[in-house]
Amino acid sequence: MEGACEASLACTTCHVYVKDDYLDKLPEADEKEEDLLDLAPFLKENSRLGCQIILTKDMEGLEVTLPLATRNFYVDGHVPQPH
């Protein structure tokens, strides 16, 4: 997973599919996340941006899968730093 925008909600490179058992344990996606997901290739009902998932003990065992491709948006010359 690339995470190109460093969790600034400017890309969809952290697009993941959350296993259905855990969807109800996550808070609802906010409008900005939903707008970005609308631009993500291979969108599904269980799509989320991984950078917006804050892990808690309730999510122990959480499984996600990656889509076949993601889309990166270059924003004003932003160069992501390694992490």
Protein backbone atom coordinates (compact mmCIF):
# COMPACT_ATOMS: atom_id res chain seq x y z
CA MET A 1 0.00 0.00 0.00
CA GLU A 2 1.54 3.28 -1.11
CA GLY A 3 -0.14 5.89 1.11
CA ALA A 4 1.13 8.64 -1.19
CA CYS A 5 -0.61 11.62 0.44
CA GLU A 6 0.43 10.65 3.97
CA ALA A 7 -3.17 10.50 5.27
CA SER A 8 -4.07 14.02 4.09
CA LEU A 9 -7.11 12.76 2.15
CA ALA A 10 -5.67 13.69 -1.25
CA CYS A 11 -5.42 10.31 -2.99
CA THR A 12 -6.80 6.78 -2.97
CA THR A 13 -3.56 4.80 -2.82
CA CYS A 14 -4.57 3.34 0.55
CA HIS A 15 -7.93 2.06 -0.78
CA VAL A 16 -8.77 -1.23 0.93
CA TYR A 17 -11.68 -3.63 1.19
CA VAL A 18 -12.67 -4.23 4.81
CA LYS A 19 -13.91 -7.71 5.66
CA ASP A 20 -17.66 -7.47 6.30
CA ASP A 21 -17.37 -8.67 9.93
CA TYR A 22 -15.55 -5.43 10.79
CA LEU A 23 -17.50 -2.83 8.80
CA ASP A 24 -19.92 -2.16 11.66
CA LYS A 25 -17.01 -1.61 14.05
CA LEU A 26 -15.68 1.30 11.99
CA PRO A 27 -17.04 4.82 12.22
CA GLU A 28 -18.90 6.02 9.14
CA ALA A 29 -16.71 7.47 6.40
CA ASP A 30 -16.93 11.26 6.34
CA GLU A 31 -17.90 13.22 3.24
CA LYS A 32 -14.31 13.83 2.10
CA GLU A 33 -13.44 10.13 2.33
CA GLU A 34 -16.63 9.24 0.46
CA ASP A 35 -15.81 11.78 -2.27
CA LEU A 36 -12.35 10.29 -2.75
CA LEU A 37 -13.69 6.75 -2.75
CA ASP A 38 -16.04 7.77 -5.56
CA LEU A 39 -12.88 8.35 -7.64
CA ALA A 40 -11.23 5.06 -6.67
CA PRO A 41 -11.07 2.28 -9.24
CA PHE A 42 -12.78 -1.00 -8.32
CA LEU A 43 -15.02 0.58 -5.66
CA LYS A 44 -17.11 -1.85 -3.57
CA GLU A 45 -19.62 -1.52 -0.73
CA ASN A 46 -16.87 -2.41 1.77
CA SER A 47 -14.30 0.07 0.38
CA ARG A 48 -12.52 2.39 2.80
CA LEU A 49 -9.36 4.46 2.81
CA GLY A 50 -6.92 2.63 5.05
CA CYS A 51 -5.41 5.89 6.30
CA GLN A 52 -8.76 6.80 7.87
CA ILE A 53 -9.09 3.58 9.88
CA ILE A 54 -7.99 4.09 13.46
CA LEU A 55 -7.29 0.71 15.01
CA THR A 56 -8.87 -0.13 18.35
CA LYS A 57 -9.06 -3.32 20.41
CA ASP A 58 -12.52 -3.96 18.88
CA MET A 59 -10.80 -4.42 15.54
CA GLU A 60 -8.36 -7.09 16.65
CA GLY A 61 -8.12 -9.57 13.80
CA LEU A 62 -9.21 -6.99 11.19
CA GLU A 63 -8.55 -8.22 7.68
CA VAL A 64 -8.40 -6.04 4.61
CA THR A 65 -7.65 -6.84 1.00
CA LEU A 66 -6.25 -4.55 -1.66
CA PRO A 67 -7.94 -3.68 -4.95
CA LEU A 68 -6.29 -4.57 -8.25
CA ALA A 69 -5.17 -0.95 -8.71
CA THR A 70 -5.22 2.42 -6.96
CA ARG A 71 -5.09 5.98 -8.22
CA ASN A 72 -2.64 8.63 -7.10
CA PHE A 73 -3.39 12.34 -7.43
CA TYR A 74 -0.36 14.63 -7.52
CA VAL A 75 -1.14 17.67 -5.39
CA ASP A 76 0.81 20.92 -5.87
CA GLY A 77 4.18 19.21 -6.21
CA HIS A 78 3.79 17.32 -2.90
CA VAL A 79 6.51 14.71 -2.58
CA PRO A 80 5.68 12.02 0.00
CA GLN A 81 8.35 11.19 2.53
CA PRO A 82 9.29 7.57 3.24
CA HIS A 83 7.59 6.11 6.31
